[in-house]
Amino acid sequence: MFFPLTVGASFAQTYSRGQNISPAYEGWEEDEDGSRYFLFGYINRNWEEELDLPVGSDNFFAPGEPDRGQPTHFLPRRNRFVFRVAVPAGFSETDELVWTLTANGKTAKAYATLRTDYFVDDLVKASEQGALGAGSSDAIVRSNVAPELSVEGEEMLTAKVGEPVLLVAVAKDDGVPKESSRTSQLPSGGTGSPAHPEWTPPWRITVGSATGLRLSWYVYRGSGQVRFDPLQAKVWEDTRDGANSPWANRWKTPPVPPGGYYEVRVTFDEPGTYVLRCLASDGALGTFVDRTISVTP
């Protein structure tokens, strides 16, 4: 199914399902100890369909180990800086690490290299995530660090179908960038937020995101139905007005719970092994922790 949209004299189409996924090489970064990592994300070209591609012929890295910690459950639309892969020893600027995805009958590849123009720092991440406009920063923004995040309990858990599992995460942030809603970032012509933000067309070359500490759980690996209570804000760029997404008009960052303790109950409808990811973000930078849950009937 697709929904045609007319934009000026051009014609664009958006699809709810049936389209492929393109892996995205976001660039490479270097830690303080000199370790280098490739950064990857993806775009699922569907607005609704979430696809499951187990590691194998439809989801693999080459050369070398095909499993580099990539997702196997793919959320809709654009997902940036989803995971990172340690640069193999002896890797040169002329070498390539390739991530291949085949979905809905189409194959796409992302080619990771150490070319200098692919170097990524925190300001690049903040701009790409939508926390600041392209090329804009100041001393405070440059001092930003990613939120601190921990999850209580063991890394490997067990559960039964239909029985909720309580997960408790603790997050805190440095308050940079300053909290703002998605609406407050829209252009106002000097008169405050627009009266009808849903009528405002895109106005910047990068996506815009609300800022301030937020936390969401989502499925990273596993193909069964998973329900979260309370409902978690989306971690993908759903820009539709009123969506439960930091990239949507009128979305406001929820207040941080007392002590930074976030509780969620997770229920599985099918047995299997799942990796759930907890992502704490300030709108510019993010930190994640995973929990692997073995679900029995």
Protein backbone atom coordinates (compact mmCIF):
# COMPACT_ATOMS: atom_id res chain seq x y z
CA MET A 1 0.00 0.00 0.00
CA PHE A 2 1.25 3.51 -0.70
CA PHE A 3 0.00 7.01 -0.10
CA PRO A 4 0.72 9.52 -2.90
CA LEU A 5 1.70 12.99 -1.83
CA THR A 6 1.89 15.99 -4.12
CA VAL A 7 4.62 18.46 -3.22
CA GLY A 8 4.51 21.53 -5.45
CA ALA A 9 5.03 20.33 -9.01
CA SER A 10 6.74 17.11 -7.89
CA PHE A 11 5.20 13.80 -6.98
CA ALA A 12 6.37 11.65 -4.08
CA GLN A 13 5.16 8.36 -2.70
CA THR A 14 5.31 6.96 0.80
CA TYR A 15 4.66 3.32 1.55
CA SER A 16 3.27 1.59 4.61
CA ARG A 17 4.77 -1.80 3.68
CA GLY A 18 6.38 -3.89 0.98
CA GLN A 19 9.56 -1.84 0.60
CA ASN A 20 13.16 -2.75 1.36
CA ILE A 21 15.68 -1.62 3.96
CA SER A 22 18.88 0.23 3.14
CA PRO A 23 21.74 -0.09 5.63
CA ALA A 24 23.51 3.20 6.32
CA TYR A 25 27.16 3.78 7.08
CA GLU A 26 27.12 6.88 9.30
CA GLY A 27 30.89 7.30 9.64
CA TRP A 28 33.63 6.34 12.07
CA GLU A 29 34.63 7.64 15.47
CA GLU A 30 37.62 7.34 17.77
CA ASP A 31 37.47 6.87 21.55
CA GLU A 32 39.85 8.59 23.96
CA ASP A 33 41.97 5.43 24.14
CA GLY A 34 42.45 5.47 20.37
CA SER A 35 40.00 2.65 19.60
CA ARG A 36 38.11 3.20 16.35
CA TYR A 37 34.55 2.20 15.54
CA PHE A 38 32.33 2.18 12.48
CA LEU A 39 28.85 3.62 13.06
CA PHE A 40 25.79 2.18 11.32
CA GLY A 41 22.09 2.88 11.02
CA TYR A 42 19.45 2.16 8.41
CA ILE A 43 16.34 3.37 6.64
CA ASN A 44 13.35 1.06 6.48
CA ARG A 45 11.43 2.55 3.58
CA ASN A 46 8.11 1.56 5.12
CA TRP A 47 6.11 3.74 7.51
CA GLU A 48 4.40 0.83 9.25
CA GLU A 49 6.01 -2.52 8.46
CA GLU A 50 8.63 -3.73 10.94
CA LEU A 51 10.81 -6.39 9.37
CA ASP A 52 12.73 -9.26 10.96
CA LEU A 53 15.95 -10.32 9.24
CA PRO A 54 17.96 -12.84 11.28
CA VAL A 55 21.72 -12.84 10.85
CA GLY A 56 22.38 -14.98 7.79
CA SER A 57 22.06 -14.63 4.04
CA ASP A 58 19.70 -11.63 4.36
CA ASN A 59 21.62 -9.77 7.08
CA PHE A 60 25.39 -10.10 7.29
CA PHE A 61 28.77 -8.40 7.35
CA ALA A 62 31.73 -9.26 5.13
CA PRO A 63 34.58 -9.92 5.12
CA GLY A 64 34.91 -11.86 8.35
CA GLU A 65 32.33 -12.51 11.05
CA PRO A 66 28.80 -12.00 9.65
CA ASP A 67 27.35 -11.10 13.07
CA ARG A 68 28.70 -7.73 14.26
CA GLY A 69 25.89 -6.97 16.71
CA GLN A 70 23.56 -5.51 14.09
CA PRO A 71 19.79 -5.43 14.68
CA THR A 72 17.58 -8.20 13.36
CA HIS A 73 14.31 -6.36 14.09
CA PHE A 74 14.01 -3.24 11.94
CA LEU A 75 11.78 -0.36 12.95
CA PRO A 76 10.17 1.90 10.34
CA ARG A 77 11.89 4.76 8.55
CA ARG A 78 15.23 6.37 9.47
CA ASN A 79 17.19 5.07 12.44
CA ARG A 80 20.57 6.75 12.95
CA PHE A 81 23.68 5.65 14.86
CA VAL A 82 22.02 2.40 15.91
CA PHE A 83 25.19 0.42 16.63
CA ARG A 84 28.92 0.49 16.20
CA VAL A 85 31.48 -2.06 15.08
CA ALA A 86 35.12 -2.13 16.18
CA VAL A 87 37.41 -1.42 13.25
CA PRO A 88 39.30 -4.66 12.48
CA ALA A 89 43.00 -4.74 13.27
CA GLY A 90 45.15 -3.68 10.35
CA PHE A 91 42.25 -1.98 8.56
CA SER A 92 43.46 0.68 6.11
CA GLU A 93 41.77 3.56 4.30
CA THR A 94 41.44 1.43 1.18
CA ASP A 95 39.70 -1.46 2.98
CA GLU A 96 35.92 -1.83 3.23
CA LEU A 97 33.60 -3.55 5.69
CA VAL A 98 30.26 -4.23 4.00
CA TRP A 99 26.85 -4.66 5.63
CA THR A 100 24.31 -6.37 3.37
CA LEU A 101 20.53 -6.44 3.89
CA THR A 102 17.94 -8.17 1.72
CA ALA A 103 14.32 -7.33 2.48
CA ASN A 104 11.16 -7.71 0.42
CA GLY A 105 13.19 -9.08 -2.46
CA LYS A 106 15.68 -6.22 -2.73
CA THR A 107 19.31 -6.14 -1.62
CA ALA A 108 21.19 -3.05 -0.42
CA LYS A 109 24.69 -2.59 0.97
CA ALA A 110 26.56 -0.11 3.15
CA TYR A 111 30.33 0.29 2.72
CA ALA A 112 32.35 1.32 5.77
CA THR A 113 35.76 2.90 5.24
CA LEU A 114 38.23 4.93 7.27
CA ARG A 115 38.32 7.84 4.85
CA THR A 116 38.91 11.07 6.75
CA ASP A 117 35.76 12.71 5.38
CA TYR A 118 33.69 10.05 7.17
CA PHE A 119 35.00 11.00 10.62
CA VAL A 120 32.17 11.69 13.09
CA ASP A 121 32.24 13.57 16.40
CA ASP A 122 29.54 14.47 18.91
CA LEU A 123 28.58 17.67 17.08
CA VAL A 124 27.96 15.74 13.90
CA LYS A 125 25.77 13.29 15.82
CA ALA A 126 23.82 16.14 17.45
CA SER A 127 23.20 17.77 14.08
CA GLU A 128 22.20 14.51 12.38
CA GLN A 129 19.86 13.59 15.25
CA GLY A 130 18.14 16.97 14.98
CA ALA A 131 19.23 18.64 18.22
CA LEU A 132 20.77 21.62 16.44
CA GLY A 133 20.79 23.07 12.98
CA ALA A 134 23.55 22.19 10.57
CA GLY A 135 26.68 24.18 11.29
CA SER A 136 25.37 25.74 14.52
CA SER A 137 26.93 25.25 17.94
CA ASP A 138 28.30 27.10 20.94
CA ALA A 139 30.58 26.35 23.89
CA ILE A 140 27.74 24.88 25.95
CA VAL A 141 26.57 22.55 23.19
CA ARG A 142 30.15 21.46 22.56
CA SER A 143 30.46 20.49 26.25
CA ASN A 144 27.53 18.07 26.06
CA VAL A 145 28.06 14.46 27.09
CA ALA A 146 25.73 11.52 26.55
CA PRO A 147 23.30 10.56 29.35
CA GLU A 148 24.40 8.07 31.99
CA LEU A 149 22.34 4.88 31.90
CA SER A 150 22.15 1.64 33.86
CA VAL A 151 19.60 -1.17 34.01
CA GLU A 152 18.97 -3.11 37.20
CA GLY A 153 19.19 -6.90 37.30
CA GLU A 154 20.98 -9.53 35.26
CA GLU A 155 21.90 -9.17 31.60
CA MET A 156 20.22 -12.51 30.75
CA LEU A 157 16.61 -12.93 31.89
CA THR A 158 13.82 -15.48 31.50
CA ALA A 159 10.10 -14.92 31.04
CA LYS A 160 6.91 -16.73 30.10
CA VAL A 161 4.48 -15.86 27.34
CA GLY A 162 1.77 -13.53 28.64
CA GLU A 163 3.44 -12.78 31.98
CA PRO A 164 4.78 -9.20 32.36
CA VAL A 165 8.45 -8.67 33.17
CA LEU A 166 9.46 -5.56 35.13
CA LEU A 167 12.50 -3.70 33.83
CA VAL A 168 14.00 -0.79 35.76
CA ALA A 169 16.42 1.67 34.18
CA VAL A 170 18.18 4.59 35.84
CA ALA A 171 19.21 7.59 33.74
CA LYS A 172 20.56 11.06 34.34
CA ASP A 173 21.84 13.84 32.14
CA ASP A 174 23.89 17.02 32.30
CA GLY A 175 21.02 19.22 31.10
CA VAL A 176 22.69 19.96 27.75
CA PRO A 177 21.16 20.70 25.35
CA LYS A 178 18.46 22.60 27.20
CA GLU A 179 15.07 20.91 27.15
CA SER A 180 12.76 22.06 24.36
CA SER A 181 9.70 20.59 22.67
CA ARG A 182 9.50 19.81 18.98
CA THR A 183 6.94 22.63 18.59
CA SER A 184 9.20 25.24 20.18
CA GLN A 185 11.85 24.54 17.54
CA LEU A 186 9.56 25.48 14.67
CA PRO A 187 10.00 28.91 13.02
CA SER A 188 7.63 31.49 14.46
CA GLY A 189 8.32 34.75 12.69
CA GLY A 190 9.01 36.34 16.06
CA THR A 191 5.60 35.63 17.58
CA GLY A 192 6.22 32.37 19.45
CA SER A 193 5.26 28.85 18.38
CA PRO A 194 2.92 28.62 15.37
CA ALA A 195 -0.78 28.40 16.17
CA HIS A 196 -1.06 25.37 13.90
CA PRO A 197 2.31 23.52 13.88
CA GLU A 198 0.78 20.67 11.90
CA TRP A 199 0.46 23.07 8.98
CA THR A 200 4.12 24.02 9.03
CA PRO A 201 6.13 22.46 6.17
CA PRO A 202 9.74 21.30 6.65
CA TRP A 203 11.92 24.37 7.05
CA ARG A 204 15.46 23.12 7.77
CA ILE A 205 17.85 20.88 5.89
CA THR A 206 18.27 18.55 8.86
CA VAL A 207 15.54 16.78 10.82
CA GLY A 208 14.40 18.54 14.03
CA SER A 209 14.09 16.76 17.38
CA ALA A 210 12.87 17.66 20.83
CA THR A 211 15.67 17.85 23.40
CA GLY A 212 15.95 16.94 27.06
CA LEU A 213 16.42 13.57 28.73
CA ARG A 214 14.16 10.84 27.40
CA LEU A 215 14.23 7.04 27.66
CA SER A 216 12.62 4.28 25.61
CA TRP A 217 12.77 0.50 25.38
CA TYR A 218 12.36 -1.22 22.02
CA VAL A 219 12.92 -4.57 20.32
CA TYR A 220 16.42 -4.88 18.87
CA ARG A 221 16.36 -8.60 18.10
CA GLY A 222 13.41 -11.01 18.15
CA SER A 223 10.41 -11.54 15.89
CA GLY A 224 7.43 -11.96 18.24
CA GLN A 225 4.91 -9.37 19.38
CA VAL A 226 6.17 -7.37 22.38
CA ARG A 227 4.07 -4.97 24.43
CA PHE A 228 5.46 -2.22 26.65
CA ASP A 229 3.54 -0.66 29.55
CA PRO A 230 3.67 2.29 29.63
CA LEU A 231 3.81 2.85 25.88
CA GLN A 232 7.32 3.91 24.89
CA ALA A 233 8.13 6.96 22.79
CA LYS A 234 9.40 6.00 19.35
CA VAL A 235 13.13 5.90 18.75
CA TRP A 236 12.74 6.26 14.98
CA GLU A 237 12.08 9.45 13.08
CA ASP A 238 8.32 9.49 12.85
CA THR A 239 7.80 13.08 11.72
CA ARG A 240 4.03 12.82 11.33
CA ASP A 241 2.16 15.44 13.31
CA GLY A 242 0.98 14.18 16.70
CA ALA A 243 3.00 10.94 16.59
CA ASN A 244 4.50 9.62 19.81
CA SER A 245 7.91 10.61 18.53
CA PRO A 246 10.49 13.27 19.50
CA TRP A 247 10.68 14.19 15.81
CA ALA A 248 6.95 14.94 15.55
CA ASN A 249 5.33 18.35 15.90
CA ARG A 250 3.78 18.98 19.33
CA TRP A 251 5.76 16.20 21.07
CA LYS A 252 7.04 17.25 24.49
CA THR A 253 9.78 15.58 26.48
CA PRO A 254 8.16 13.84 29.49
CA PRO A 255 9.29 14.83 32.98
CA VAL A 256 12.11 12.77 34.45
CA PRO A 257 10.70 10.41 37.11
CA PRO A 258 11.95 10.74 40.71
CA GLY A 259 15.57 9.70 40.99
CA GLY A 260 15.70 9.05 37.27
CA TYR A 261 14.10 5.62 37.75
CA TYR A 262 12.16 4.48 34.68
CA GLU A 263 9.97 1.40 35.08
CA VAL A 264 8.38 -0.57 32.27
CA ARG A 265 6.53 -3.89 32.15
CA VAL A 266 7.15 -6.00 29.08
CA THR A 267 4.86 -8.78 27.86
CA PHE A 268 5.71 -11.30 25.14
CA ASP A 269 3.06 -12.97 23.00
CA GLU A 270 5.37 -15.61 21.50
CA PRO A 271 8.26 -17.74 22.82
CA GLY A 272 11.78 -17.05 21.61
CA THR A 273 14.95 -15.17 22.42
CA TYR A 274 14.69 -11.39 22.40
CA VAL A 275 17.15 -8.56 22.79
CA LEU A 276 15.49 -5.45 24.19
CA ARG A 277 17.38 -2.19 23.97
CA CYS A 278 17.04 0.66 26.44
CA LEU A 279 18.01 4.00 24.89
CA ALA A 280 18.53 7.17 26.93
CA SER A 281 18.93 10.28 24.79
CA ASP A 282 19.10 14.02 25.31
CA GLY A 283 18.11 14.59 21.70
CA ALA A 284 21.73 15.00 20.63
CA LEU A 285 23.58 11.99 22.04
CA GLY A 286 22.38 8.62 23.23
CA THR A 287 23.47 5.74 25.46
CA PHE A 288 22.04 2.23 25.27
CA VAL A 289 21.96 -0.92 27.40
CA ASP A 290 20.65 -4.29 26.19
CA ARG A 291 18.84 -7.10 27.98
CA THR A 292 18.51 -10.59 26.50
CA ILE A 293 15.28 -12.36 27.49
CA SER A 294 14.54 -16.03 26.86
CA VAL A 295 10.77 -16.46 26.64
CA THR A 296 9.17 -19.87 27.15
CA PRO A 297 5.57 -20.95 26.47
